[in-house]
Amino acid sequence: MTKKLLTKLTVATTSLTLVTLGTTSSAQAISLSGLSEFASNGSGSTGLAVWNSRAGDNYWDLFVTSDGEDGEFINDPSTRNIDFELTKGTHTFTIYGDGRSSLANISHYGLNLFFNGEISNPGISVFGALAKSTDSDPGFSANSSGSTRGLDGSIVPGSGTLSFIDGLTTVTLTDYIYQASDVQEKDRVSPYSIGSNRYLDMVGQFTLNVETRNLDSTSVPEPASVLGLLAVGAFGAGATLKGKKKQQA
């Protein structure tokens, strides 16, 4: 029996960057530094089930790969923290949380992304219906609920947006899915460690598109002619862990 990942392109949201003429600017690196996955209702408000990329609390750990569903986890082994520099382009991450069959009874799940060491205010918040089959593609939305999960498990408002802007860099989430534990039939993690425990994992995936602008001005116009420039750009594409088909051997 074999399984295959399919890809899907989605349209990113438009980003807005304000640039002042007569200065030299360069894009700053943005770090993806934390994730919190949580059960939710149909409005994005959090339930009790929570996974996060942080050790030392009562919540189950969330493990992250950046090179495919069977790739090496990028979490720090001792702290579970991640510190992934988001270079320009498209980045697809696969997430694993230990699962139980009862979690398939929860209708929706949400994901908060934290950047540059932030733990309370998510830069991007998304939620969608739980995918319960190999060909399920339930879609996703920005989460503006006032009751989501911080990196430490606390109740925090969702960001209400799928884009995070820092200086001249814009990070846009272009795809998201979270699947019931019997969909991928993987057992790579346990509640607080890497390694199988005979319970199938909840497996998800999300894609980030990173755009940067490096704008340099070599000459400054006369004071009477100084004007501001407004630049708008949008583009996005992502690969998702969706539509894995089962075939008879």
Protein backbone atom coordinates (compact mmCIF):
# COMPACT_ATOMS: atom_id res chain seq x y z
CA MET A 1 0.00 0.00 0.00
CA THR A 2 1.51 3.36 -1.00
CA LYS A 3 0.71 6.93 -0.18
CA LYS A 4 1.39 10.07 -2.16
CA LEU A 5 1.32 13.77 -1.36
CA LEU A 6 -0.47 16.08 -3.74
CA THR A 7 0.20 19.80 -4.13
CA LYS A 8 -2.13 22.69 -4.46
CA LEU A 9 -1.53 26.32 -5.31
CA THR A 10 -3.42 28.97 -3.41
CA VAL A 11 -3.52 32.73 -3.80
CA ALA A 12 -1.79 34.77 -1.14
CA THR A 13 -3.24 37.93 0.34
CA THR A 14 -1.94 41.34 -0.77
CA SER A 15 0.82 42.90 1.32
CA LEU A 16 1.32 46.64 1.83
CA THR A 17 4.77 48.17 2.40
CA LEU A 18 5.44 51.87 3.01
CA VAL A 19 8.80 53.15 1.79
CA THR A 20 10.27 56.63 2.34
CA LEU A 21 12.33 58.13 -0.50
CA GLY A 22 15.85 59.28 0.33
CA THR A 23 16.75 56.50 2.79
CA THR A 24 18.50 53.17 2.44
CA SER A 25 16.52 50.16 3.73
CA SER A 26 17.15 46.42 3.83
CA ALA A 27 14.87 43.52 4.70
CA GLN A 28 15.37 42.04 8.17
CA ALA A 29 15.33 38.30 8.75
CA ILE A 30 12.18 36.93 10.39
CA SER A 31 12.32 33.85 12.58
CA LEU A 32 9.45 31.40 12.96
CA SER A 33 9.90 30.81 16.68
CA GLY A 34 6.79 29.04 17.94
CA LEU A 35 3.57 27.18 17.08
CA SER A 36 0.45 26.37 19.02
CA GLU A 37 -2.11 23.92 17.62
CA PHE A 38 -5.45 23.60 19.41
CA ALA A 39 -8.92 22.16 19.12
CA SER A 40 -11.60 24.74 18.34
CA ASN A 41 -15.23 25.20 17.51
CA GLY A 42 -16.59 26.42 14.18
CA SER A 43 -15.75 30.01 15.11
CA GLY A 44 -12.11 29.37 15.97
CA SER A 45 -12.50 29.55 19.76
CA THR A 46 -10.21 27.15 21.57
CA GLY A 47 -11.09 23.84 23.15
CA LEU A 48 -9.10 21.79 25.65
CA ALA A 49 -6.76 19.85 23.36
CA VAL A 50 -3.50 21.79 22.85
CA TRP A 51 -0.09 21.03 21.35
CA ASN A 52 2.80 23.50 21.33
CA SER A 53 6.48 23.79 20.44
CA ARG A 54 7.54 24.39 24.01
CA ALA A 55 8.60 22.03 26.78
CA GLY A 56 8.01 22.29 30.51
CA ASP A 57 4.23 22.69 30.60
CA ASN A 58 1.28 20.31 30.71
CA TYR A 59 0.46 20.60 27.02
CA TRP A 60 1.49 17.96 24.52
CA ASP A 61 4.46 18.80 22.35
CA LEU A 62 4.14 19.78 18.70
CA PHE A 63 6.98 18.57 16.49
CA VAL A 64 7.86 20.30 13.22
CA THR A 65 9.69 19.29 10.04
CA SER A 66 10.67 21.54 7.15
CA ASP A 67 11.74 18.94 4.58
CA GLY A 68 8.76 16.66 4.05
CA GLU A 69 6.54 14.54 6.24
CA ASP A 70 9.32 12.08 7.03
CA GLY A 71 11.98 14.75 7.53
CA GLU A 72 14.04 15.44 10.62
CA PHE A 73 12.31 17.48 13.31
CA ILE A 74 13.64 21.02 13.69
CA ASN A 75 12.64 21.37 17.36
CA ASP A 76 15.42 21.78 19.89
CA PRO A 77 15.66 18.34 21.59
CA SER A 78 15.57 19.72 25.13
CA THR A 79 13.28 22.77 24.90
CA ARG A 80 11.10 21.81 21.89
CA ASN A 81 11.66 25.41 20.71
CA ILE A 82 12.12 26.21 17.05
CA ASP A 83 14.11 29.05 15.50
CA PHE A 84 13.69 28.82 11.74
CA GLU A 85 14.88 31.73 9.63
CA LEU A 86 12.32 32.50 6.96
CA THR A 87 14.28 33.35 3.85
CA LYS A 88 12.59 34.71 0.75
CA GLY A 89 10.47 32.13 -1.05
CA THR A 90 8.09 29.34 -0.07
CA HIS A 91 8.46 27.16 3.02
CA THR A 92 6.26 24.15 3.79
CA PHE A 93 6.19 22.68 7.29
CA THR A 94 4.69 19.40 8.50
CA ILE A 95 3.53 19.20 12.12
CA TYR A 96 3.03 16.17 14.34
CA GLY A 97 1.08 15.93 17.58
CA ASP A 98 0.35 12.72 19.42
CA GLY A 99 -3.22 11.67 18.69
CA ARG A 100 -6.15 9.74 20.06
CA SER A 101 -9.20 8.46 18.20
CA SER A 102 -11.50 10.63 20.36
CA LEU A 103 -9.90 13.79 18.92
CA ALA A 104 -11.58 13.03 15.59
CA ASN A 105 -14.88 14.02 17.22
CA ILE A 106 -13.75 17.67 17.42
CA SER A 107 -14.95 19.64 14.41
CA HIS A 108 -12.21 22.24 13.95
CA TYR A 109 -8.60 22.93 14.82
CA GLY A 110 -6.58 26.13 14.87
CA LEU A 111 -2.92 27.07 14.53
CA ASN A 112 -1.15 30.16 15.87
CA LEU A 113 2.27 31.11 14.51
CA PHE A 114 4.70 33.19 16.56
CA PHE A 115 7.65 35.13 15.20
CA ASN A 116 10.88 36.63 16.54
CA GLY A 117 10.56 35.21 20.05
CA GLU A 118 6.98 36.35 20.72
CA ILE A 119 4.93 34.02 22.93
CA SER A 120 1.65 35.86 23.60
CA ASN A 121 0.68 37.65 20.40
CA PRO A 122 0.42 35.40 17.35
CA GLY A 123 1.54 36.95 14.09
CA ILE A 124 -0.67 34.62 12.05
CA SER A 125 -3.80 32.77 13.21
CA VAL A 126 -5.64 30.19 11.11
CA PHE A 127 -8.30 27.54 11.67
CA GLY A 128 -10.24 25.01 9.64
CA ALA A 129 -12.35 21.88 9.83
CA LEU A 130 -10.55 18.66 10.72
CA ALA A 131 -9.70 16.56 7.66
CA LYS A 132 -11.01 13.02 8.21
CA SER A 133 -10.11 11.26 4.97
CA THR A 134 -7.32 11.09 2.43
CA ASP A 135 -9.19 13.22 -0.11
CA SER A 136 -10.62 15.76 2.34
CA ASP A 137 -9.78 19.42 1.66
CA PRO A 138 -11.87 21.41 4.14
CA GLY A 139 -10.29 24.83 3.60
CA PHE A 140 -9.15 27.39 6.19
CA SER A 141 -9.71 30.95 7.38
CA ALA A 142 -7.92 33.63 9.37
CA ASN A 143 -8.82 33.27 13.06
CA SER A 144 -10.07 36.44 14.75
CA SER A 145 -11.54 34.72 17.81
CA GLY A 146 -10.80 36.33 21.15
CA SER A 147 -10.08 32.88 22.59
CA THR A 148 -7.13 31.10 20.98
CA ARG A 149 -3.88 29.74 22.45
CA GLY A 150 -0.61 31.49 23.18
CA LEU A 151 2.67 29.64 22.93
CA ASP A 152 2.46 28.97 26.67
CA GLY A 153 -1.12 27.68 26.40
CA SER A 154 -2.71 30.83 27.77
CA ILE A 155 -5.90 32.27 26.25
CA VAL A 156 -5.04 35.03 23.77
CA PRO A 157 -6.85 36.73 20.87
CA GLY A 158 -6.19 35.43 17.39
CA SER A 159 -4.36 37.78 15.04
CA GLY A 160 -7.27 37.80 12.57
CA THR A 161 -4.85 37.74 9.65
CA LEU A 162 -2.92 35.29 7.47
CA SER A 163 -0.04 37.75 6.94
CA PHE A 164 2.71 38.97 9.25
CA ILE A 165 4.64 42.11 8.27
CA ASP A 166 7.93 43.13 9.83
CA GLY A 167 9.70 46.03 8.16
CA LEU A 168 10.16 45.17 4.50
CA THR A 169 9.36 41.48 4.91
CA THR A 170 5.89 39.97 4.58
CA VAL A 171 5.11 36.38 5.59
CA THR A 172 1.81 35.00 4.27
CA LEU A 173 0.21 31.68 5.13
CA THR A 174 -1.09 30.21 1.88
CA ASP A 175 -2.22 26.74 2.98
CA TYR A 176 -3.17 24.84 6.13
CA ILE A 177 -4.61 21.45 7.01
CA TYR A 178 -4.85 19.30 10.15
CA GLN A 179 -5.81 15.65 9.85
CA ALA A 180 -7.35 13.03 12.11
CA SER A 181 -4.90 10.45 13.39
CA ASP A 182 -6.13 7.63 11.13
CA VAL A 183 -5.59 9.60 7.89
CA GLN A 184 -1.80 9.48 7.55
CA GLU A 185 -1.37 6.46 9.84
CA LYS A 186 1.92 7.79 11.22
CA ASP A 187 3.36 7.13 14.67
CA ARG A 188 6.48 9.30 14.96
CA VAL A 189 5.85 11.11 18.25
CA SER A 190 4.56 10.67 21.78
CA PRO A 191 2.98 13.36 24.00
CA TYR A 192 6.34 14.70 25.25
CA SER A 193 9.00 13.06 23.10
CA ILE A 194 9.99 11.89 19.64
CA GLY A 195 9.30 8.21 19.13
CA SER A 196 6.38 5.87 18.61
CA ASN A 197 3.95 4.95 21.37
CA ARG A 198 1.40 2.85 19.44
CA TYR A 199 -0.98 5.81 19.11
CA LEU A 200 -1.34 7.31 15.64
CA ASP A 201 -0.35 10.97 15.29
CA MET A 202 -2.39 13.96 14.27
CA VAL A 203 -0.54 15.28 11.19
CA GLY A 204 -0.87 18.71 9.67
CA GLN A 205 0.85 20.97 7.21
CA PHE A 206 1.09 24.68 6.48
CA THR A 207 2.86 26.76 3.86
CA LEU A 208 4.39 30.21 4.24
CA ASN A 209 5.32 32.52 1.39
CA VAL A 210 7.98 35.09 2.26
CA GLU A 211 8.43 38.31 0.29
CA THR A 212 11.16 40.86 0.94
CA ARG A 213 12.05 44.21 -0.51
CA ASN A 214 15.50 45.76 -0.51
CA LEU A 215 15.10 49.35 -1.65
CA ASP A 216 18.15 51.60 -2.00
CA SER A 217 18.09 55.25 -2.98
CA THR A 218 21.36 56.61 -4.37
CA SER A 219 20.23 60.21 -4.76
CA VAL A 220 18.09 62.55 -2.71
CA PRO A 221 15.89 65.01 -4.66
CA GLU A 222 15.59 68.68 -3.86
CA PRO A 223 13.57 69.34 -0.69
CA ALA A 224 10.72 70.86 -2.68
CA SER A 225 10.32 67.66 -4.71
CA VAL A 226 10.54 65.02 -1.95
CA LEU A 227 7.61 62.59 -2.26
CA GLY A 228 6.62 59.31 -0.55
CA LEU A 229 6.39 56.09 -2.51
CA LEU A 230 3.71 53.51 -1.81
CA ALA A 231 4.47 49.99 -3.06
CA VAL A 232 2.00 47.15 -3.12
CA GLY A 233 2.87 43.56 -3.98
CA ALA A 234 1.19 40.22 -3.71
CA PHE A 235 2.09 36.68 -4.63
CA GLY A 236 1.79 33.32 -3.02
CA ALA A 237 1.93 29.59 -3.58
CA GLY A 238 2.12 26.67 -1.24
CA ALA A 239 2.27 22.93 -1.08
CA THR A 240 -0.04 21.08 1.28
CA LEU A 241 -0.35 17.66 2.76
CA LYS A 242 -3.68 16.86 1.14
CA GLY A 243 -5.28 14.15 -0.90
CA LYS A 244 -3.00 11.26 -0.01
CA LYS A 245 -4.47 8.32 -1.83
CA LYS A 246 -4.33 4.69 -0.79
CA GLN A 247 -3.75 2.09 -3.48
CA GLN A 248 -3.81 -1.64 -3.33
CA ALA A 249 -0.32 -3.14 -3.56
